[in-house]
Structures are given as structure tokens and as C-alpha cells.
């Protein structure tokens, strides 16, 4: 077992699936939830020019396999996060391959404050 198989965090991933949009077409919708053990590490924080206004904090989720994409949703530590861009897939051997996704708290990019702060 590697560190990727025994991550200290539990995240719930809702992969995006095609769902009917009510007009005869399809749109991305939430799929069945998948619980994963992962490592979650801070990736960065963007601050606005005015003091006290945080526009967004991003984290990187490291897991053996990460069934997520740009329309996927992640729940971690009781909060909902959006996947930013595509999941990066790092190949190699079966033992060293892993996926990395960048996540951003939903609503954080618009200057909304986090609950409890």
C-alpha cells in the first residue's frame, strides 16, 4: 500500500453525468456519490486588492483514481467544492500512478464568505 491508498481525508465525489434538461437535450448533472480516501493540500489563495476580501482558496486533491471532471462536485469537511478544469492523470507504473484535481469552494470566487466566519 502506498500513501495514495491511505489518505487521511475522506472526500465524496459526485461525477458529472449527462442528464435530461427538460427541453429534449442534455446537460451535466450529478452522478452517484463515490467516497474516496485522499490527500488534500492547499494550492493557493487569491486576495482582492482591498484588505479583508478573500476571493478564492484552492486545494489539490491527490488520489489513486479520481472520477471527476470540470462539472463534478466534491464534498470535503462538510463543504461543497467545484472541480476546476480537468483532472491531471499521472501515469507510470500501477503502483505510482495517481490523479490530481484542483478544487475551489463553491461561491468563494464571488466574494461570498465561508460559513462560520
C-alpha atoms as a PDB file:
ATOM      1  CA  UNK A   1       0.000   0.000   0.000  1.00  0.00           C
ATOM      2  CA  UNK A   2       1.183   3.490  -0.718  1.00  0.00           C
ATOM      3  CA  UNK A   3       0.388   6.883   0.736  1.00  0.00           C
ATOM      4  CA  UNK A   4      -2.172   7.307  -2.063  1.00  0.00           C
ATOM      5  CA  UNK A   5      -4.177   4.336  -0.811  1.00  0.00           C
ATOM      6  CA  UNK A   6      -4.272   5.522   2.813  1.00  0.00           C
ATOM      7  CA  UNK A   7      -5.052   9.223   2.501  1.00  0.00           C
ATOM      8  CA  UNK A   8      -6.018  10.941   5.767  1.00  0.00           C
ATOM      9  CA  UNK A   9      -9.059  12.698   4.271  1.00  0.00           C
ATOM     10  CA  UNK A  10     -12.376  11.279   3.098  1.00  0.00           C
ATOM     11  CA  UNK A  11     -13.893  13.105   0.132  1.00  0.00           C
ATOM     12  CA  UNK A  12     -17.168  12.456  -1.657  1.00  0.00           C
ATOM     13  CA  UNK A  13     -17.042  12.917  -5.426  1.00  0.00           C
ATOM     14  CA  UNK A  14     -20.187  13.406  -7.485  1.00  0.00           C
ATOM     15  CA  UNK A  15     -19.005  12.729 -11.049  1.00  0.00           C
ATOM     16  CA  UNK A  16     -20.823  14.607 -13.791  1.00  0.00           C
ATOM     17  CA  UNK A  17     -23.186  12.543 -15.923  1.00  0.00           C
ATOM     18  CA  UNK A  18     -25.458  13.523 -18.796  1.00  0.00           C
ATOM     19  CA  UNK A  19     -28.966  14.356 -17.592  1.00  0.00           C
ATOM     20  CA  UNK A  20     -32.065  15.494 -19.458  1.00  0.00           C
ATOM     21  CA  UNK A  21     -32.511  19.263 -19.433  1.00  0.00           C
ATOM     22  CA  UNK A  22     -36.291  19.211 -19.917  1.00  0.00           C
ATOM     23  CA  UNK A  23     -36.045  20.633 -23.451  1.00  0.00           C
ATOM     24  CA  UNK A  24     -35.062  17.463 -25.309  1.00  0.00           C
ATOM     25  CA  UNK A  25     -31.331  17.919 -24.778  1.00  0.00           C
ATOM     26  CA  UNK A  26     -28.840  17.018 -22.103  1.00  0.00           C
ATOM     27  CA  UNK A  27     -26.789  18.888 -19.538  1.00  0.00           C
ATOM     28  CA  UNK A  28     -24.249  17.878 -16.879  1.00  0.00           C
ATOM     29  CA  UNK A  29     -25.844  16.564 -13.701  1.00  0.00           C
ATOM     30  CA  UNK A  30     -24.580  14.928 -10.505  1.00  0.00           C
ATOM     31  CA  UNK A  31     -23.891  11.199 -10.631  1.00  0.00           C
ATOM     32  CA  UNK A  32     -23.870   8.660  -7.827  1.00  0.00           C
ATOM     33  CA  UNK A  33     -21.599   9.699  -4.938  1.00  0.00           C
ATOM     34  CA  UNK A  34     -18.231   7.965  -4.590  1.00  0.00           C
ATOM     35  CA  UNK A  35     -16.331   8.020  -1.276  1.00  0.00           C
ATOM     36  CA  UNK A  36     -12.545   8.159  -1.592  1.00  0.00           C
ATOM     37  CA  UNK A  37      -9.523   8.271   0.694  1.00  0.00           C
ATOM     38  CA  UNK A  38      -7.346  11.137  -0.496  1.00  0.00           C
ATOM     39  CA  UNK A  39      -4.739  13.695   0.440  1.00  0.00           C
ATOM     40  CA  UNK A  40      -5.928  17.297   0.238  1.00  0.00           C
ATOM     41  CA  UNK A  41      -3.339  20.069   0.271  1.00  0.00           C
ATOM     42  CA  UNK A  42      -3.625  23.843  -0.174  1.00  0.00           C
ATOM     43  CA  UNK A  43      -2.767  25.068  -3.653  1.00  0.00           C
ATOM     44  CA  UNK A  44      -3.182  28.811  -3.285  1.00  0.00           C
ATOM     45  CA  UNK A  45      -5.262  31.750  -2.206  1.00  0.00           C
ATOM     46  CA  UNK A  46      -6.211  34.782  -4.259  1.00  0.00           C
ATOM     47  CA  UNK A  47      -6.808  38.015  -2.403  1.00  0.00           C
ATOM     48  CA  UNK A  48      -8.539  41.062  -3.812  1.00  0.00           C
ATOM     49  CA  UNK A  49      -6.789  44.420  -3.748  1.00  0.00           C
ATOM     50  CA  UNK A  50      -8.926  45.593  -0.847  1.00  0.00           C
ATOM     51  CA  UNK A  51      -7.925  44.288   2.572  1.00  0.00           C
ATOM     52  CA  UNK A  52     -10.211  41.703   4.085  1.00  0.00           C
ATOM     53  CA  UNK A  53     -11.802  40.365   0.900  1.00  0.00           C
ATOM     54  CA  UNK A  54     -10.723  36.846   0.018  1.00  0.00           C
ATOM     55  CA  UNK A  55     -11.818  35.863  -3.478  1.00  0.00           C
ATOM     56  CA  UNK A  56     -10.926  32.207  -3.500  1.00  0.00           C
ATOM     57  CA  UNK A  57      -8.878  29.446  -1.945  1.00  0.00           C
ATOM     58  CA  UNK A  58      -7.947  26.390  -3.946  1.00  0.00           C
ATOM     59  CA  UNK A  59      -6.868  22.946  -2.823  1.00  0.00           C
ATOM     60  CA  UNK A  60      -5.393  19.983  -4.669  1.00  0.00           C
ATOM     61  CA  UNK A  61      -6.875  16.523  -4.141  1.00  0.00           C
ATOM     62  CA  UNK A  62      -4.470  13.599  -4.634  1.00  0.00           C
ATOM     63  CA  UNK A  63      -5.934  10.107  -5.028  1.00  0.00           C
ATOM     64  CA  UNK A  64      -5.129   6.819  -6.711  1.00  0.00           C
ATOM     65  CA  UNK A  65      -8.090   7.345  -9.065  1.00  0.00           C
ATOM     66  CA  UNK A  66     -10.329  10.391  -9.113  1.00  0.00           C
ATOM     67  CA  UNK A  67     -13.534  10.008 -11.155  1.00  0.00           C
ATOM     68  CA  UNK A  68     -14.092  13.743 -11.581  1.00  0.00           C
ATOM     69  CA  UNK A  69     -14.106  16.410 -14.248  1.00  0.00           C
ATOM     70  CA  UNK A  70     -14.934  20.086 -14.798  1.00  0.00           C
ATOM     71  CA  UNK A  71     -18.629  19.676 -13.930  1.00  0.00           C
ATOM     72  CA  UNK A  72     -18.074  17.407 -10.941  1.00  0.00           C
ATOM     73  CA  UNK A  73     -18.807  18.304  -7.338  1.00  0.00           C
ATOM     74  CA  UNK A  74     -16.693  17.385  -4.307  1.00  0.00           C
ATOM     75  CA  UNK A  75     -17.776  17.394  -0.676  1.00  0.00           C
ATOM     76  CA  UNK A  76     -14.970  17.676   1.860  1.00  0.00           C
ATOM     77  CA  UNK A  77     -15.116  18.607   5.542  1.00  0.00           C
ATOM     78  CA  UNK A  78     -18.802  19.478   5.294  1.00  0.00           C
ATOM     79  CA  UNK A  79     -18.367  21.958   2.445  1.00  0.00           C
ATOM     80  CA  UNK A  80     -19.108  21.777  -1.270  1.00  0.00           C
ATOM     81  CA  UNK A  81     -16.295  22.336  -3.760  1.00  0.00           C
ATOM     82  CA  UNK A  82     -16.187  22.588  -7.564  1.00  0.00           C
ATOM     83  CA  UNK A  83     -13.521  20.892  -9.663  1.00  0.00           C
ATOM     84  CA  UNK A  84     -11.515  23.470 -11.615  1.00  0.00           C
ATOM     85  CA  UNK A  85     -10.573  22.184 -15.082  1.00  0.00           C
ATOM     86  CA  UNK A  86      -9.680  18.628 -15.951  1.00  0.00           C
ATOM     87  CA  UNK A  87      -8.218  16.084 -13.572  1.00  0.00           C
ATOM     88  CA  UNK A  88      -4.474  15.617 -14.107  1.00  0.00           C
ATOM     89  CA  UNK A  89      -3.576  11.980 -14.576  1.00  0.00           C
ATOM     90  CA  UNK A  90      -0.015  10.988 -13.770  1.00  0.00           C
ATOM     91  CA  UNK A  91       0.888   7.641 -15.281  1.00  0.00           C
ATOM     92  CA  UNK A  92       3.777   5.392 -14.599  1.00  0.00           C
ATOM     93  CA  UNK A  93       3.610   2.005 -13.045  1.00  0.00           C
ATOM     94  CA  UNK A  94       0.494   0.586 -11.431  1.00  0.00           C
ATOM     95  CA  UNK A  95       1.977   1.441  -8.035  1.00  0.00           C
ATOM     96  CA  UNK A  96       2.923   5.039  -8.806  1.00  0.00           C
ATOM     97  CA  UNK A  97       0.027   6.261 -10.994  1.00  0.00           C
ATOM     98  CA  UNK A  98      -2.277   8.848  -9.404  1.00  0.00           C
ATOM     99  CA  UNK A  99      -4.777  11.625 -10.197  1.00  0.00           C
ATOM    100  CA  UNK A 100      -4.804  15.240  -9.025  1.00  0.00           C
ATOM    101  CA  UNK A 101      -7.746  17.647  -9.127  1.00  0.00           C
ATOM    102  CA  UNK A 102      -7.842  21.317  -8.211  1.00  0.00           C
ATOM    103  CA  UNK A 103     -10.934  22.275  -6.233  1.00  0.00           C
ATOM    104  CA  UNK A 104     -12.366  25.670  -5.288  1.00  0.00           C
ATOM    105  CA  UNK A 105     -15.076  26.300  -2.726  1.00  0.00           C
ATOM    106  CA  UNK A 106     -18.367  26.994  -4.451  1.00  0.00           C
ATOM    107  CA  UNK A 107     -19.291  30.662  -4.164  1.00  0.00           C
ATOM    108  CA  UNK A 108     -15.803  31.676  -2.990  1.00  0.00           C
ATOM    109  CA  UNK A 109     -14.880  33.187  -6.352  1.00  0.00           C
ATOM    110  CA  UNK A 110     -17.672  35.729  -5.970  1.00  0.00           C
ATOM    111  CA  UNK A 111     -16.552  37.047  -2.607  1.00  0.00           C
ATOM    112  CA  UNK A 112     -19.027  35.059  -0.508  1.00  0.00           C
ATOM    113  CA  UNK A 113     -17.812  34.382   2.993  1.00  0.00           C
ATOM    114  CA  UNK A 114     -17.419  30.892   4.386  1.00  0.00           C
ATOM    115  CA  UNK A 115     -19.968  29.696   6.945  1.00  0.00           C
ATOM    116  CA  UNK A 116     -18.931  30.453  10.497  1.00  0.00           C
ATOM    117  CA  UNK A 117     -16.539  33.250   9.610  1.00  0.00           C
END
